[in-house]
Structures are given as C-alpha cells and as structure tokens.
C-alpha atoms as a PDB file:
ATOM      1  CA  UNK A   1      -0.686  22.726 -24.748  1.00  0.00           C
ATOM      2  CA  UNK A   2       2.523  23.603 -26.937  1.00  0.00           C
ATOM      3  CA  UNK A   3      -0.101  22.840 -30.047  1.00  0.00           C
ATOM      4  CA  UNK A   4      -2.234  25.495 -28.230  1.00  0.00           C
ATOM      5  CA  UNK A   5       0.557  27.942 -28.045  1.00  0.00           C
ATOM      6  CA  UNK A   6       1.851  27.200 -30.851  1.00  0.00           C
ATOM      7  CA  UNK A   7      -2.062  27.922 -32.899  1.00  0.00           C
ATOM      8  CA  UNK A   8      -2.332  30.586 -30.334  1.00  0.00           C
ATOM      9  CA  UNK A   9       0.788  32.419 -31.600  1.00  0.00           C
ATOM     10  CA  UNK A  10      -0.500  31.790 -35.673  1.00  0.00           C
ATOM     11  CA  UNK A  11      -3.127  33.908 -34.675  1.00  0.00           C
ATOM     12  CA  UNK A  12      -1.806  36.474 -33.169  1.00  0.00           C
ATOM     13  CA  UNK A  13       0.243  36.910 -36.105  1.00  0.00           C
ATOM     14  CA  UNK A  14      -2.621  36.324 -38.824  1.00  0.00           C
ATOM     15  CA  UNK A  15      -4.253  39.544 -37.055  1.00  0.00           C
ATOM     16  CA  UNK A  16      -1.905  41.302 -37.002  1.00  0.00           C
ATOM     17  CA  UNK A  17      -1.012  40.519 -40.340  1.00  0.00           C
ATOM     18  CA  UNK A  18      -4.092  41.703 -40.981  1.00  0.00           C
ATOM     19  CA  UNK A  19      -4.086  45.046 -39.385  1.00  0.00           C
ATOM     20  CA  UNK A  20      -0.942  45.838 -41.404  1.00  0.00           C
ATOM     21  CA  UNK A  21      -2.405  45.070 -44.581  1.00  0.00           C
ATOM     22  CA  UNK A  22      -5.800  47.148 -43.526  1.00  0.00           C
ATOM     23  CA  UNK A  23      -3.666  50.307 -42.283  1.00  0.00           C
ATOM     24  CA  UNK A  24      -1.491  50.142 -45.926  1.00  0.00           C
ATOM     25  CA  UNK A  25      -5.022  50.258 -47.491  1.00  0.00           C
ATOM     26  CA  UNK A  26      -6.023  53.309 -45.513  1.00  0.00           C
ATOM     27  CA  UNK A  27      -2.621  55.413 -46.908  1.00  0.00           C
ATOM     28  CA  UNK A  28      -3.162  53.723 -49.827  1.00  0.00           C
ATOM     29  CA  UNK A  29      -6.993  55.230 -49.812  1.00  0.00           C
ATOM     30  CA  UNK A  30      -5.739  58.458 -48.221  1.00  0.00           C
ATOM     31  CA  UNK A  31      -3.461  58.908 -51.211  1.00  0.00           C
ATOM     32  CA  UNK A  32      -5.481  58.490 -53.613  1.00  0.00           C
ATOM     33  CA  UNK A  33      -8.822  60.861 -51.926  1.00  0.00           C
ATOM     34  CA  UNK A  34      -6.103  63.942 -52.023  1.00  0.00           C
ATOM     35  CA  UNK A  35      -5.433  63.304 -55.592  1.00  0.00           C
ATOM     36  CA  UNK A  36      -8.606  63.111 -56.379  1.00  0.00           C
ATOM     37  CA  UNK A  37     -10.437  66.091 -54.352  1.00  0.00           C
ATOM     38  CA  UNK A  38      -8.476  68.744 -55.163  1.00  0.00           C
ATOM     39  CA  UNK A  39     -11.518  71.204 -56.859  1.00  0.00           C
ATOM     40  CA  UNK A  40     -11.079  74.477 -58.251  1.00  0.00           C
ATOM     41  CA  UNK A  41     -14.516  74.609 -60.181  1.00  0.00           C
ATOM     42  CA  UNK A  42     -15.374  78.823 -58.852  1.00  0.00           C
ATOM     43  CA  UNK A  43     -19.250  76.952 -59.123  1.00  0.00           C
ATOM     44  CA  UNK A  44     -18.418  74.232 -56.550  1.00  0.00           C
ATOM     45  CA  UNK A  45     -19.584  71.295 -57.533  1.00  0.00           C
ATOM     46  CA  UNK A  46     -18.935  68.766 -55.744  1.00  0.00           C
ATOM     47  CA  UNK A  47     -16.499  65.287 -57.860  1.00  0.00           C
ATOM     48  CA  UNK A  48     -18.920  61.976 -56.928  1.00  0.00           C
ATOM     49  CA  UNK A  49     -15.943  60.236 -57.127  1.00  0.00           C
ATOM     50  CA  UNK A  50     -13.946  62.276 -54.384  1.00  0.00           C
ATOM     51  CA  UNK A  51     -17.309  62.265 -51.692  1.00  0.00           C
ATOM     52  CA  UNK A  52     -17.362  57.561 -52.654  1.00  0.00           C
ATOM     53  CA  UNK A  53     -13.806  57.522 -51.679  1.00  0.00           C
ATOM     54  CA  UNK A  54     -14.416  59.258 -48.735  1.00  0.00           C
ATOM     55  CA  UNK A  55     -17.175  57.694 -47.586  1.00  0.00           C
ATOM     56  CA  UNK A  56     -15.260  54.578 -48.167  1.00  0.00           C
ATOM     57  CA  UNK A  57     -12.343  55.752 -46.080  1.00  0.00           C
ATOM     58  CA  UNK A  58     -14.562  56.686 -43.593  1.00  0.00           C
ATOM     59  CA  UNK A  59     -16.597  52.810 -43.338  1.00  0.00           C
ATOM     60  CA  UNK A  60     -11.819  51.782 -43.949  1.00  0.00           C
ATOM     61  CA  UNK A  61     -11.147  53.758 -40.218  1.00  0.00           C
ATOM     62  CA  UNK A  62     -14.367  52.395 -38.483  1.00  0.00           C
ATOM     63  CA  UNK A  63     -13.454  48.828 -40.017  1.00  0.00           C
ATOM     64  CA  UNK A  64      -9.913  49.064 -38.466  1.00  0.00           C
ATOM     65  CA  UNK A  65     -10.822  50.255 -35.407  1.00  0.00           C
ATOM     66  CA  UNK A  66     -12.797  47.182 -34.565  1.00  0.00           C
ATOM     67  CA  UNK A  67     -10.556  45.246 -35.495  1.00  0.00           C
ATOM     68  CA  UNK A  68      -8.159  46.301 -33.151  1.00  0.00           C
ATOM     69  CA  UNK A  69     -10.757  46.675 -30.864  1.00  0.00           C
ATOM     70  CA  UNK A  70     -11.825  42.934 -31.675  1.00  0.00           C
ATOM     71  CA  UNK A  71      -7.446  41.806 -31.312  1.00  0.00           C
ATOM     72  CA  UNK A  72      -6.984  43.426 -27.751  1.00  0.00           C
ATOM     73  CA  UNK A  73      -9.520  42.578 -26.350  1.00  0.00           C
ATOM     74  CA  UNK A  74     -10.798  39.000 -28.089  1.00  0.00           C
ATOM     75  CA  UNK A  75     -10.154  36.222 -25.825  1.00  0.00           C
ATOM     76  CA  UNK A  76      -8.181  33.584 -26.260  1.00  0.00           C
ATOM     77  CA  UNK A  77      -8.870  31.278 -23.984  1.00  0.00           C
ATOM     78  CA  UNK A  78     -10.816  30.814 -20.841  1.00  0.00           C
ATOM     79  CA  UNK A  79     -10.207  29.646 -17.187  1.00  0.00           C
ATOM     80  CA  UNK A  80     -11.916  29.084 -14.465  1.00  0.00           C
ATOM     81  CA  UNK A  81     -10.058  28.951 -10.758  1.00  0.00           C
ATOM     82  CA  UNK A  82      -9.693  30.294  -7.508  1.00  0.00           C
ATOM     83  CA  UNK A  83      -9.000  34.143  -7.106  1.00  0.00           C
ATOM     84  CA  UNK A  84      -6.553  34.871  -3.572  1.00  0.00           C
ATOM     85  CA  UNK A  85      -4.606  37.856  -2.779  1.00  0.00           C
ATOM     86  CA  UNK A  86      -1.453  37.773  -1.439  1.00  0.00           C
ATOM     87  CA  UNK A  87       1.120  40.606  -1.326  1.00  0.00           C
ATOM     88  CA  UNK A  88       4.421  41.410  -2.106  1.00  0.00           C
ATOM     89  CA  UNK A  89       6.885  40.461   1.254  1.00  0.00           C
ATOM     90  CA  UNK A  90       4.221  37.139   2.158  1.00  0.00           C
ATOM     91  CA  UNK A  91       6.153  34.690   4.095  1.00  0.00           C
ATOM     92  CA  UNK A  92       7.283  32.543   2.172  1.00  0.00           C
ATOM     93  CA  UNK A  93       7.894  35.612  -0.810  1.00  0.00           C
ATOM     94  CA  UNK A  94      10.262  37.850  -1.036  1.00  0.00           C
ATOM     95  CA  UNK A  95       9.246  41.298  -2.462  1.00  0.00           C
ATOM     96  CA  UNK A  96      10.505  40.327  -5.811  1.00  0.00           C
ATOM     97  CA  UNK A  97       8.425  39.037  -9.002  1.00  0.00           C
ATOM     98  CA  UNK A  98       9.451  35.319 -10.683  1.00  0.00           C
ATOM     99  CA  UNK A  99       8.535  36.822 -13.579  1.00  0.00           C
ATOM    100  CA  UNK A 100      10.665  40.742 -13.175  1.00  0.00           C
ATOM    101  CA  UNK A 101      12.816  40.796 -10.336  1.00  0.00           C
ATOM    102  CA  UNK A 102      13.864  44.680 -10.715  1.00  0.00           C
ATOM    103  CA  UNK A 103      10.787  45.896 -10.647  1.00  0.00           C
ATOM    104  CA  UNK A 104      10.862  47.233  -7.595  1.00  0.00           C
ATOM    105  CA  UNK A 105       7.388  46.781  -5.088  1.00  0.00           C
ATOM    106  CA  UNK A 106       8.870  47.741  -1.677  1.00  0.00           C
ATOM    107  CA  UNK A 107       6.791  50.947  -1.862  1.00  0.00           C
ATOM    108  CA  UNK A 108       3.292  48.988  -2.526  1.00  0.00           C
ATOM    109  CA  UNK A 109       3.480  49.326  -6.358  1.00  0.00           C
ATOM    110  CA  UNK A 110       1.001  47.055  -8.402  1.00  0.00           C
ATOM    111  CA  UNK A 111       0.309  47.777 -10.796  1.00  0.00           C
ATOM    112  CA  UNK A 112       2.457  47.871 -14.353  1.00  0.00           C
ATOM    113  CA  UNK A 113       2.369  50.312 -17.030  1.00  0.00           C
ATOM    114  CA  UNK A 114       1.958  47.507 -20.205  1.00  0.00           C
ATOM    115  CA  UNK A 115       2.900  49.292 -23.688  1.00  0.00           C
ATOM    116  CA  UNK A 116      -0.140  47.410 -24.991  1.00  0.00           C
ATOM    117  CA  UNK A 117      -2.713  47.586 -22.464  1.00  0.00           C
ATOM    118  CA  UNK A 118      -1.412  50.188 -20.414  1.00  0.00           C
ATOM    119  CA  UNK A 119      -2.142  50.644 -16.738  1.00  0.00           C
ATOM    120  CA  UNK A 120      -2.273  47.061 -15.977  1.00  0.00           C
ATOM    121  CA  UNK A 121      -3.234  45.101 -11.862  1.00  0.00           C
ATOM    122  CA  UNK A 122       0.064  41.828 -11.264  1.00  0.00           C
ATOM    123  CA  UNK A 123      -1.020  38.844 -11.049  1.00  0.00           C
ATOM    124  CA  UNK A 124       0.486  35.102  -9.475  1.00  0.00           C
ATOM    125  CA  UNK A 125      -0.013  32.499 -12.503  1.00  0.00           C
ATOM    126  CA  UNK A 126       1.102  29.002 -12.404  1.00  0.00           C
ATOM    127  CA  UNK A 127       3.250  28.386 -15.373  1.00  0.00           C
ATOM    128  CA  UNK A 128      -0.564  27.424 -17.445  1.00  0.00           C
ATOM    129  CA  UNK A 129      -0.126  30.938 -18.448  1.00  0.00           C
ATOM    130  CA  UNK A 130       3.760  32.547 -20.233  1.00  0.00           C
ATOM    131  CA  UNK A 131       5.324  35.756 -18.110  1.00  0.00           C
ATOM    132  CA  UNK A 132       3.844  38.938 -19.972  1.00  0.00           C
ATOM    133  CA  UNK A 133      -0.067  36.991 -20.729  1.00  0.00           C
ATOM    134  CA  UNK A 134      -2.784  39.681 -19.881  1.00  0.00           C
ATOM    135  CA  UNK A 135      -5.777  38.073 -17.861  1.00  0.00           C
ATOM    136  CA  UNK A 136      -9.042  40.691 -17.274  1.00  0.00           C
ATOM    137  CA  UNK A 137     -11.690  38.704 -15.056  1.00  0.00           C
ATOM    138  CA  UNK A 138     -14.746  40.414 -13.104  1.00  0.00           C
ATOM    139  CA  UNK A 139     -14.705  40.721  -9.408  1.00  0.00           C
ATOM    140  CA  UNK A 140     -17.422  42.569  -7.865  1.00  0.00           C
ATOM    141  CA  UNK A 141     -15.834  42.926  -4.696  1.00  0.00           C
ATOM    142  CA  UNK A 142     -13.006  44.747  -5.288  1.00  0.00           C
ATOM    143  CA  UNK A 143     -14.104  46.105  -8.303  1.00  0.00           C
ATOM    144  CA  UNK A 144     -17.281  47.486 -10.709  1.00  0.00           C
ATOM    145  CA  UNK A 145     -14.884  47.244 -13.563  1.00  0.00           C
ATOM    146  CA  UNK A 146     -13.246  44.366 -15.014  1.00  0.00           C
ATOM    147  CA  UNK A 147     -10.270  43.772 -13.847  1.00  0.00           C
ATOM    148  CA  UNK A 148      -6.432  43.609 -16.415  1.00  0.00           C
ATOM    149  CA  UNK A 149      -4.224  41.652 -15.288  1.00  0.00           C
ATOM    150  CA  UNK A 150      -0.622  40.327 -16.238  1.00  0.00           C
ATOM    151  CA  UNK A 151       1.001  36.826 -15.224  1.00  0.00           C
ATOM    152  CA  UNK A 152       4.231  38.818 -13.975  1.00  0.00           C
ATOM    153  CA  UNK A 153       4.559  36.555 -11.246  1.00  0.00           C
ATOM    154  CA  UNK A 154       4.566  32.105  -9.869  1.00  0.00           C
ATOM    155  CA  UNK A 155       3.486  30.331  -6.520  1.00  0.00           C
ATOM    156  CA  UNK A 156       0.022  29.298  -7.310  1.00  0.00           C
ATOM    157  CA  UNK A 157      -1.785  25.925  -8.640  1.00  0.00           C
ATOM    158  CA  UNK A 158      -3.798  25.408 -11.157  1.00  0.00           C
ATOM    159  CA  UNK A 159      -5.811  27.090 -13.033  1.00  0.00           C
ATOM    160  CA  UNK A 160      -5.602  30.134  -9.457  1.00  0.00           C
ATOM    161  CA  UNK A 161      -4.751  33.742  -9.848  1.00  0.00           C
ATOM    162  CA  UNK A 162      -3.304  35.262  -7.058  1.00  0.00           C
ATOM    163  CA  UNK A 163      -3.599  39.337  -7.671  1.00  0.00           C
ATOM    164  CA  UNK A 164      -0.809  41.224  -5.521  1.00  0.00           C
ATOM    165  CA  UNK A 165      -1.883  43.923  -3.176  1.00  0.00           C
ATOM    166  CA  UNK A 166      -1.085  46.590  -0.694  1.00  0.00           C
ATOM    167  CA  UNK A 167      -0.400  43.716   2.034  1.00  0.00           C
ATOM    168  CA  UNK A 168      -1.557  40.158   3.632  1.00  0.00           C
ATOM    169  CA  UNK A 169      -3.631  42.261   5.673  1.00  0.00           C
ATOM    170  CA  UNK A 170      -5.279  43.756   2.018  1.00  0.00           C
ATOM    171  CA  UNK A 171      -5.179  40.586   0.320  1.00  0.00           C
ATOM    172  CA  UNK A 172      -7.388  39.043   2.779  1.00  0.00           C
ATOM    173  CA  UNK A 173      -9.992  41.711   4.101  1.00  0.00           C
ATOM    174  CA  UNK A 174     -10.723  42.400   0.711  1.00  0.00           C
ATOM    175  CA  UNK A 175      -9.906  40.182  -1.860  1.00  0.00           C
ATOM    176  CA  UNK A 176     -10.302  36.696   0.149  1.00  0.00           C
ATOM    177  CA  UNK A 177     -11.054  33.460  -1.752  1.00  0.00           C
ATOM    178  CA  UNK A 178     -13.559  33.418  -4.416  1.00  0.00           C
ATOM    179  CA  UNK A 179     -14.290  31.478  -7.840  1.00  0.00           C
ATOM    180  CA  UNK A 180     -13.668  33.081 -11.216  1.00  0.00           C
ATOM    181  CA  UNK A 181     -13.552  32.860 -14.660  1.00  0.00           C
ATOM    182  CA  UNK A 182     -10.783  34.411 -16.054  1.00  0.00           C
ATOM    183  CA  UNK A 183     -10.292  35.396 -20.130  1.00  0.00           C
ATOM    184  CA  UNK A 184      -6.851  34.984 -21.597  1.00  0.00           C
ATOM    185  CA  UNK A 185      -6.312  38.444 -23.534  1.00  0.00           C
ATOM    186  CA  UNK A 186      -2.739  37.645 -24.757  1.00  0.00           C
ATOM    187  CA  UNK A 187      -0.467  34.699 -24.405  1.00  0.00           C
ATOM    188  CA  UNK A 188       2.773  35.640 -22.641  1.00  0.00           C
ATOM    189  CA  UNK A 189       4.836  38.689 -23.660  1.00  0.00           C
ATOM    190  CA  UNK A 190       5.133  40.298 -27.505  1.00  0.00           C
ATOM    191  CA  UNK A 191       7.308  38.965 -29.440  1.00  0.00           C
END
C-alpha cells in the first residue's frame, strides 16, 4: 500500500513537472513570436517563420490543455464497493467530519469547494483512501452526470463509499445501497 502511494505521488510529481515545462515552453515561444512578428512592410507581406511560430503556439496550447485534462481527470486507480448515503446527524454521527471537524454541516451542507475540482460532494471512506482524495463515479439513480466527490469523513469499511446527504430520510429514499465502481482522481490532499 505504501509503495503504491509512493508510486502515485511520484507520478503526480512527474505530471506536474511536465505541465510546468510545457507552460515554460509556451512563455518562451510567445516571446519569440512577439519579437519576430513585427512587420513594417507597406505591402503587407507575410513572414512565414512568424506564421509557423503562431501555428506551433496553437498546437502547444492544445497539447497543454490535453495534458492538464489528463492530469485532472485521469484515473490513478479504480475500486468497486457499495454506495450508501448518510446524514450528518445520523445515530452514530456527531455532525462533524473526521477529516475536517471545523466544517459546519448544520445547515444541510453536502458539498465542499475544492481549489482544483470546484464544488464536489462529500463522502465517507475507509482509511484505504486518504483524506482529501477525489473520486468520480456514476450513479444514474442519483444523477445523470458523473458524481465528483471528496473524502472528508470516515466510518465505512473496505472500498465502500458513504455519500453525505441532506438527511437520513433522503439517504434512504434516494441513495439506498448499490454496487459501484469509482475512479480515484487524486490520492489525498495535494502538497
């Protein structure tokens, strides 16, 4: 398990290094394009080397966007387990999250604003997934879109996931229990 975490961390560092390198190359290319693109010619002739730099910049931007999407949405691992729902004030719950006890759930809050993934749902996991892990799964009885969630709570076993719901009644009626496969997009909090 620790070897897998170390390998995943190393892969994330490599991905980040590649993205930074690509961004640096774009900055350097745009500087070259700016210095080569001035044309004071009254006849408006086209400098073909400047045009090639412009085309290369567009290709690099597209490659950067694809690399970023792969980094953000590429699966690090997949697990299969049961999906259930729970309310913040269930019989064994305190209304506080195991990973973020200062997050107020008294108003029915079920989402968290992550700096990378935006507004994501909150789930409980076993310690198989570190706090701050981001997962993605499909549950057509809950949403037609894939559900993106962050692990901020504990209280389940194995690979099961417990989706935070506005209430226990809502969890029973709308989430129930189902078997899902989910992808891990981020393993724990980013350093």
